[in-house]
Structure formats: C-alpha cells, structure tokens
Amino acid sequence: MSTPRPVPGGQDRRKITSRKIVDVNRGPGDVDDSLAVWIHRYLDLAVRGVRSDEVTRKITRHLERFADWFTAGLGHVRVSAVTPREVAAWRDHLAAEGNRGRDGTTTPMAPATVNNHLAHLSALFSWIIAHAPAGLLRHRDPAKKVGLLRLPAPPVRALSGPQLRTVKNVATRPS
C-alpha cells in the first residue's frame, strides 16, 4: 500500500474532513442505476458527519426535490438517464414554480436559490463519477453543462444629500 501524500501544511489527505474518504461499497454491494440509491450513498458517505446538520438537511432537501421532479416527469429514477436537458428543465422549473406553499400554490425561487440547488446536484454527480463504475454516467456530470441563472444587479446605494455634502466639504478643504 502506498503512503498517503501530504498536502500543504503536512496534513494527511485522509484526515481532512472536507475530503472524507470511505469505501463506497459500504452501502448496497451491487451496482445500482437508481438515483435514490446513489443519493442515499452520497449523503451517507460524503455529507453526513462532514457538513453541519443544517447544511446536510438542506442538501438532502435539494437532492430529493430533483429526484421527485425527475421521477414525476419520466416515471423512473435511473441515474444513467439524467442528461443536461433534464437538469436545465429542472432549473427552469425551479425558477418558474419551485416553491410550493402549504396551500399548494407555487411561486418562483430566487436565482441564488436555484443556483444553490444546481451546485448540490453537481456535487452529487461529481461524487457519483468518482465512485461509480465506468459508463454509468455517459454524460459525465450533466449539471456542469447547465448554465447558472444570472443574479440580479445589486441595488444602487448612493449617498444621501447630507453625506454627499460632507464628502464634497472634506474633499475641498485646504490641507
């Protein structure tokens, strides 16, 4: 067995919590094409215990939203069938009617929230690519090929009248 390569600072890569390395076969032993199984493995082996409970719940919620939407649209949960087209359609769905209220009404999600969902989905697919058998994901990471939503420009925060006068007075004072 080779010796672990140190990272800058002398730490062993296996000891860095953000790079949790575990055996992917700890879950179901056979190769499965189920999106739900891969989400479960990802959450168990790469998220829980590494991220805070609040972030773990958020990632779980985002990935379950995708799985539910994907299943409702295609009628199956094969991870190998996820393409950039489906991810883009999900992004557009979230932007148009992603929030569901308690009364059943839907409202659009903010672009930053949609982009956060896409980031979590992309992290899942990157992890699957690293741990799945070759050929399971023919499209590699389908979320990487989907563009993020543009964020609105930040609001202009100009100086008020008295602030502007103060700046002008200070700038024109003799030294």
C-alpha atoms as a PDB file:
ATOM      1  CA  MET A   1       0.000   0.000   0.000  1.00  0.00           C
ATOM      2  CA  SER A   2       1.337   3.436  -0.876  1.00  0.00           C
ATOM      3  CA  THR A   3       1.941   6.065   1.735  1.00  0.00           C
ATOM      4  CA  PRO A   4      -0.564   8.911   1.798  1.00  0.00           C
ATOM      5  CA  ARG A   5       0.585  12.086   0.098  1.00  0.00           C
ATOM      6  CA  PRO A   6       0.749  15.058   2.439  1.00  0.00           C
ATOM      7  CA  VAL A   7      -0.999  18.250   1.496  1.00  0.00           C
ATOM      8  CA  PRO A   8       0.399  21.726   2.113  1.00  0.00           C
ATOM      9  CA  GLY A   9       0.649  22.106   5.867  1.00  0.00           C
ATOM     10  CA  GLY A  10       1.671  18.472   6.308  1.00  0.00           C
ATOM     11  CA  GLN A  11      -1.824  17.005   6.800  1.00  0.00           C
ATOM     12  CA  ASP A  12      -2.724  13.542   5.601  1.00  0.00           C
ATOM     13  CA  ARG A  13      -5.411  13.792   2.869  1.00  0.00           C
ATOM     14  CA  ARG A  14      -7.468  11.124   4.643  1.00  0.00           C
ATOM     15  CA  LYS A  15      -7.709  13.282   7.747  1.00  0.00           C
ATOM     16  CA  ILE A  16      -9.201  16.341   6.043  1.00  0.00           C
ATOM     17  CA  THR A  17     -12.907  16.280   6.886  1.00  0.00           C
ATOM     18  CA  SER A  18     -13.956  18.023   3.683  1.00  0.00           C
ATOM     19  CA  ARG A  19     -12.346  15.128   1.769  1.00  0.00           C
ATOM     20  CA  LYS A  20     -13.957  12.281   3.659  1.00  0.00           C
ATOM     21  CA  ILE A  21     -12.685   9.045   2.114  1.00  0.00           C
ATOM     22  CA  VAL A  22     -14.724   5.939   2.755  1.00  0.00           C
ATOM     23  CA  ASP A  23     -15.495   2.724   0.988  1.00  0.00           C
ATOM     24  CA  VAL A  24     -18.392   3.241  -1.418  1.00  0.00           C
ATOM     25  CA  ASN A  25     -19.233  -0.457  -1.177  1.00  0.00           C
ATOM     26  CA  ARG A  26     -20.290   0.000   2.420  1.00  0.00           C
ATOM     27  CA  GLY A  27     -23.798   0.502   1.038  1.00  0.00           C
ATOM     28  CA  PRO A  28     -25.571  -1.943  -1.271  1.00  0.00           C
ATOM     29  CA  GLY A  29     -22.928  -4.159  -2.818  1.00  0.00           C
ATOM     30  CA  ASP A  30     -24.190  -4.414  -6.371  1.00  0.00           C
ATOM     31  CA  VAL A  31     -24.085  -1.623  -8.925  1.00  0.00           C
ATOM     32  CA  ASP A  32     -27.400   0.122  -8.977  1.00  0.00           C
ATOM     33  CA  ASP A  33     -28.797   2.582 -11.521  1.00  0.00           C
ATOM     34  CA  SER A  34     -31.231   4.082  -9.034  1.00  0.00           C
ATOM     35  CA  LEU A  35     -30.954   7.811  -8.397  1.00  0.00           C
ATOM     36  CA  ALA A  36     -32.397   7.308  -4.910  1.00  0.00           C
ATOM     37  CA  VAL A  37     -29.714   4.735  -4.036  1.00  0.00           C
ATOM     38  CA  TRP A  38     -26.904   7.000  -5.246  1.00  0.00           C
ATOM     39  CA  ILE A  39     -28.334   9.996  -3.367  1.00  0.00           C
ATOM     40  CA  HIS A  40     -28.521   7.871  -0.214  1.00  0.00           C
ATOM     41  CA  ARG A  41     -24.925   6.663  -0.652  1.00  0.00           C
ATOM     42  CA  TYR A  42     -23.678  10.201  -1.309  1.00  0.00           C
ATOM     43  CA  LEU A  43     -25.415  11.590   1.757  1.00  0.00           C
ATOM     44  CA  ASP A  44     -24.168   8.739   3.976  1.00  0.00           C
ATOM     45  CA  LEU A  45     -20.605   8.607   2.708  1.00  0.00           C
ATOM     46  CA  ALA A  46     -19.768  12.189   1.779  1.00  0.00           C
ATOM     47  CA  VAL A  47     -22.149  14.606   3.522  1.00  0.00           C
ATOM     48  CA  ARG A  48     -23.332  13.338   6.920  1.00  0.00           C
ATOM     49  CA  GLY A  49     -20.646  13.828   9.507  1.00  0.00           C
ATOM     50  CA  VAL A  50     -18.731  16.206   7.257  1.00  0.00           C
ATOM     51  CA  ARG A  51     -21.216  19.038   6.871  1.00  0.00           C
ATOM     52  CA  SER A  52     -23.286  20.582   9.654  1.00  0.00           C
ATOM     53  CA  ASP A  53     -26.729  19.126  10.359  1.00  0.00           C
ATOM     54  CA  GLU A  54     -28.381  22.222   8.903  1.00  0.00           C
ATOM     55  CA  VAL A  55     -26.405  22.014   5.652  1.00  0.00           C
ATOM     56  CA  THR A  56     -26.956  18.255   5.464  1.00  0.00           C
ATOM     57  CA  ARG A  57     -30.735  18.772   5.719  1.00  0.00           C
ATOM     58  CA  LYS A  58     -30.558  21.447   3.025  1.00  0.00           C
ATOM     59  CA  ILE A  59     -28.548  19.247   0.625  1.00  0.00           C
ATOM     60  CA  THR A  60     -30.912  16.335   1.293  1.00  0.00           C
ATOM     61  CA  ARG A  61     -33.945  18.521   0.583  1.00  0.00           C
ATOM     62  CA  HIS A  62     -32.438  19.819  -2.691  1.00  0.00           C
ATOM     63  CA  LEU A  63     -31.485  16.371  -3.964  1.00  0.00           C
ATOM     64  CA  GLU A  64     -34.871  14.919  -3.008  1.00  0.00           C
ATOM     65  CA  ARG A  65     -36.560  17.758  -4.919  1.00  0.00           C
ATOM     66  CA  PHE A  66     -34.630  16.751  -8.011  1.00  0.00           C
ATOM     67  CA  ALA A  67     -35.396  13.035  -7.553  1.00  0.00           C
ATOM     68  CA  ASP A  68     -39.107  13.731  -7.040  1.00  0.00           C
ATOM     69  CA  TRP A  69     -39.282  16.043 -10.057  1.00  0.00           C
ATOM     70  CA  PHE A  70     -37.306  13.615 -12.230  1.00  0.00           C
ATOM     71  CA  THR A  71     -39.479  10.656 -11.214  1.00  0.00           C
ATOM     72  CA  ALA A  72     -42.706  12.584 -11.802  1.00  0.00           C
ATOM     73  CA  GLY A  73     -41.555  13.651 -15.257  1.00  0.00           C
ATOM     74  CA  LEU A  74     -40.016  10.432 -16.573  1.00  0.00           C
ATOM     75  CA  GLY A  75     -41.643   7.798 -14.416  1.00  0.00           C
ATOM     76  CA  HIS A  76     -38.364   6.196 -13.378  1.00  0.00           C
ATOM     77  CA  VAL A  77     -35.279   7.034 -11.325  1.00  0.00           C
ATOM     78  CA  ARG A  78     -32.407   5.751 -13.460  1.00  0.00           C
ATOM     79  CA  VAL A  79     -29.347   7.883 -12.729  1.00  0.00           C
ATOM     80  CA  SER A  80     -27.876   6.948 -16.113  1.00  0.00           C
ATOM     81  CA  ALA A  81     -30.826   8.661 -17.830  1.00  0.00           C
ATOM     82  CA  VAL A  82     -30.115  12.114 -16.376  1.00  0.00           C
ATOM     83  CA  THR A  83     -28.960  14.440 -19.137  1.00  0.00           C
ATOM     84  CA  PRO A  84     -28.155  18.141 -19.271  1.00  0.00           C
ATOM     85  CA  ARG A  85     -31.571  18.668 -20.861  1.00  0.00           C
ATOM     86  CA  GLU A  86     -33.355  17.320 -17.763  1.00  0.00           C
ATOM     87  CA  VAL A  87     -31.153  19.360 -15.425  1.00  0.00           C
ATOM     88  CA  ALA A  88     -31.853  22.534 -17.445  1.00  0.00           C
ATOM     89  CA  ALA A  89     -35.580  21.771 -17.382  1.00  0.00           C
ATOM     90  CA  TRP A  90     -35.408  21.332 -13.596  1.00  0.00           C
ATOM     91  CA  ARG A  91     -33.550  24.629 -13.278  1.00  0.00           C
ATOM     92  CA  ASP A  92     -36.271  26.345 -15.318  1.00  0.00           C
ATOM     93  CA  HIS A  93     -38.982  24.628 -13.267  1.00  0.00           C
ATOM     94  CA  LEU A  94     -37.445  25.867 -10.009  1.00  0.00           C
ATOM     95  CA  ALA A  95     -37.132  29.389 -11.410  1.00  0.00           C
ATOM     96  CA  ALA A  96     -40.774  29.389 -12.522  1.00  0.00           C
ATOM     97  CA  GLU A  97     -42.571  27.471  -9.784  1.00  0.00           C
ATOM     98  CA  GLY A  98     -40.073  25.877  -7.426  1.00  0.00           C
ATOM     99  CA  ASN A  99     -41.576  26.969  -4.106  1.00  0.00           C
ATOM    100  CA  ARG A 100     -44.710  25.131  -3.049  1.00  0.00           C
ATOM    101  CA  GLY A 101     -46.684  26.728  -0.242  1.00  0.00           C
ATOM    102  CA  ARG A 102     -48.682  24.901   2.386  1.00  0.00           C
ATOM    103  CA  ASP A 103     -51.827  25.764   0.477  1.00  0.00           C
ATOM    104  CA  GLY A 104     -50.451  24.102  -2.686  1.00  0.00           C
ATOM    105  CA  THR A 105     -49.689  27.309  -4.570  1.00  0.00           C
ATOM    106  CA  THR A 106     -46.365  27.648  -6.347  1.00  0.00           C
ATOM    107  CA  THR A 107     -44.080  30.646  -6.621  1.00  0.00           C
ATOM    108  CA  PRO A 108     -40.716  31.171  -8.334  1.00  0.00           C
ATOM    109  CA  MET A 109     -37.464  30.576  -6.487  1.00  0.00           C
ATOM    110  CA  ALA A 110     -34.822  33.287  -6.352  1.00  0.00           C
ATOM    111  CA  PRO A 111     -31.953  32.819  -8.828  1.00  0.00           C
ATOM    112  CA  ALA A 112     -29.431  32.351  -5.999  1.00  0.00           C
ATOM    113  CA  THR A 113     -31.579  29.550  -4.523  1.00  0.00           C
ATOM    114  CA  VAL A 114     -31.881  27.831  -7.898  1.00  0.00           C
ATOM    115  CA  ASN A 115     -28.114  28.072  -8.392  1.00  0.00           C
ATOM    116  CA  ASN A 116     -27.594  26.560  -4.929  1.00  0.00           C
ATOM    117  CA  HIS A 117     -29.790  23.601  -5.925  1.00  0.00           C
ATOM    118  CA  LEU A 118     -27.692  23.153  -9.098  1.00  0.00           C
ATOM    119  CA  ALA A 119     -24.455  23.259  -7.087  1.00  0.00           C
ATOM    120  CA  HIS A 120     -25.674  20.467  -4.802  1.00  0.00           C
ATOM    121  CA  LEU A 121     -26.809  18.389  -7.780  1.00  0.00           C
ATOM    122  CA  SER A 122     -23.452  18.907  -9.490  1.00  0.00           C
ATOM    123  CA  ALA A 123     -21.614  17.837  -6.320  1.00  0.00           C
ATOM    124  CA  LEU A 124     -23.714  14.654  -6.273  1.00  0.00           C
ATOM    125  CA  PHE A 125     -22.866  13.819  -9.886  1.00  0.00           C
ATOM    126  CA  SER A 126     -19.166  14.594  -9.376  1.00  0.00           C
ATOM    127  CA  TRP A 127     -19.179  12.174  -6.444  1.00  0.00           C
ATOM    128  CA  ILE A 128     -21.025   9.524  -8.470  1.00  0.00           C
ATOM    129  CA  ILE A 129     -18.475   9.841 -11.292  1.00  0.00           C
ATOM    130  CA  ALA A 130     -15.648   9.304  -8.808  1.00  0.00           C
ATOM    131  CA  HIS A 131     -17.263   6.258  -7.189  1.00  0.00           C
ATOM    132  CA  ALA A 132     -19.456   4.586  -9.819  1.00  0.00           C
ATOM    133  CA  PRO A 133     -18.355   2.028 -12.362  1.00  0.00           C
ATOM    134  CA  ALA A 134     -17.191   3.410 -15.694  1.00  0.00           C
ATOM    135  CA  GLY A 135     -20.046   4.022 -18.077  1.00  0.00           C
ATOM    136  CA  LEU A 136     -22.812   4.539 -15.535  1.00  0.00           C
ATOM    137  CA  LEU A 137     -22.978   8.251 -16.373  1.00  0.00           C
ATOM    138  CA  ARG A 138     -22.486   8.553 -20.111  1.00  0.00           C
ATOM    139  CA  HIS A 139     -22.965  12.326 -19.918  1.00  0.00           C
ATOM    140  CA  ARG A 140     -20.425  12.726 -17.094  1.00  0.00           C
ATOM    141  CA  ASP A 141     -21.784  15.484 -14.826  1.00  0.00           C
ATOM    142  CA  PRO A 142     -24.966  16.661 -16.557  1.00  0.00           C
ATOM    143  CA  ALA A 143     -25.263  19.625 -14.185  1.00  0.00           C
ATOM    144  CA  LYS A 144     -21.890  21.071 -15.249  1.00  0.00           C
ATOM    145  CA  LYS A 145     -23.191  21.721 -18.765  1.00  0.00           C
ATOM    146  CA  VAL A 146     -26.169  23.713 -17.471  1.00  0.00           C
ATOM    147  CA  GLY A 147     -25.657  27.431 -17.040  1.00  0.00           C
ATOM    148  CA  LEU A 148     -26.474  29.151 -13.794  1.00  0.00           C
ATOM    149  CA  LEU A 149     -29.187  31.774 -13.613  1.00  0.00           C
ATOM    150  CA  ARG A 150     -27.972  35.351 -13.730  1.00  0.00           C
ATOM    151  CA  LEU A 151     -28.245  37.080 -10.419  1.00  0.00           C
ATOM    152  CA  PRO A 152     -29.924  40.480 -10.325  1.00  0.00           C
ATOM    153  CA  ALA A 153     -27.662  43.508 -10.072  1.00  0.00           C
ATOM    154  CA  PRO A 154     -27.206  44.683  -6.505  1.00  0.00           C
ATOM    155  CA  PRO A 155     -29.301  47.713  -5.595  1.00  0.00           C
ATOM    156  CA  VAL A 156     -27.654  51.068  -6.081  1.00  0.00           C
ATOM    157  CA  ARG A 157     -26.759  52.538  -2.754  1.00  0.00           C
ATOM    158  CA  ALA A 158     -25.967  56.169  -3.472  1.00  0.00           C
ATOM    159  CA  LEU A 159     -25.040  58.713  -0.874  1.00  0.00           C
ATOM    160  CA  SER A 160     -27.795  60.778   0.664  1.00  0.00           C
ATOM    161  CA  GLY A 161     -27.755  64.573   0.236  1.00  0.00           C
ATOM    162  CA  PRO A 162     -26.083  65.311   3.603  1.00  0.00           C
ATOM    163  CA  GLN A 163     -23.499  62.537   3.036  1.00  0.00           C
ATOM    164  CA  LEU A 164     -22.632  63.935  -0.403  1.00  0.00           C
ATOM    165  CA  ARG A 165     -22.189  67.455   1.057  1.00  0.00           C
ATOM    166  CA  THR A 166     -19.842  66.060   3.717  1.00  0.00           C
ATOM    167  CA  VAL A 167     -17.727  64.248   1.125  1.00  0.00           C
ATOM    168  CA  LYS A 168     -17.504  67.432  -1.007  1.00  0.00           C
ATOM    169  CA  ASN A 169     -16.594  69.557   2.023  1.00  0.00           C
ATOM    170  CA  VAL A 170     -13.840  67.161   3.080  1.00  0.00           C
ATOM    171  CA  ALA A 171     -12.501  66.854  -0.459  1.00  0.00           C
ATOM    172  CA  THR A 172     -12.311  70.636  -0.998  1.00  0.00           C
ATOM    173  CA  ARG A 173     -10.755  71.558   2.365  1.00  0.00           C
ATOM    174  CA  PRO A 174      -7.347  73.133   2.194  1.00  0.00           C
ATOM    175  CA  SER A 175      -4.631  70.856   3.550  1.00  0.00           C
END
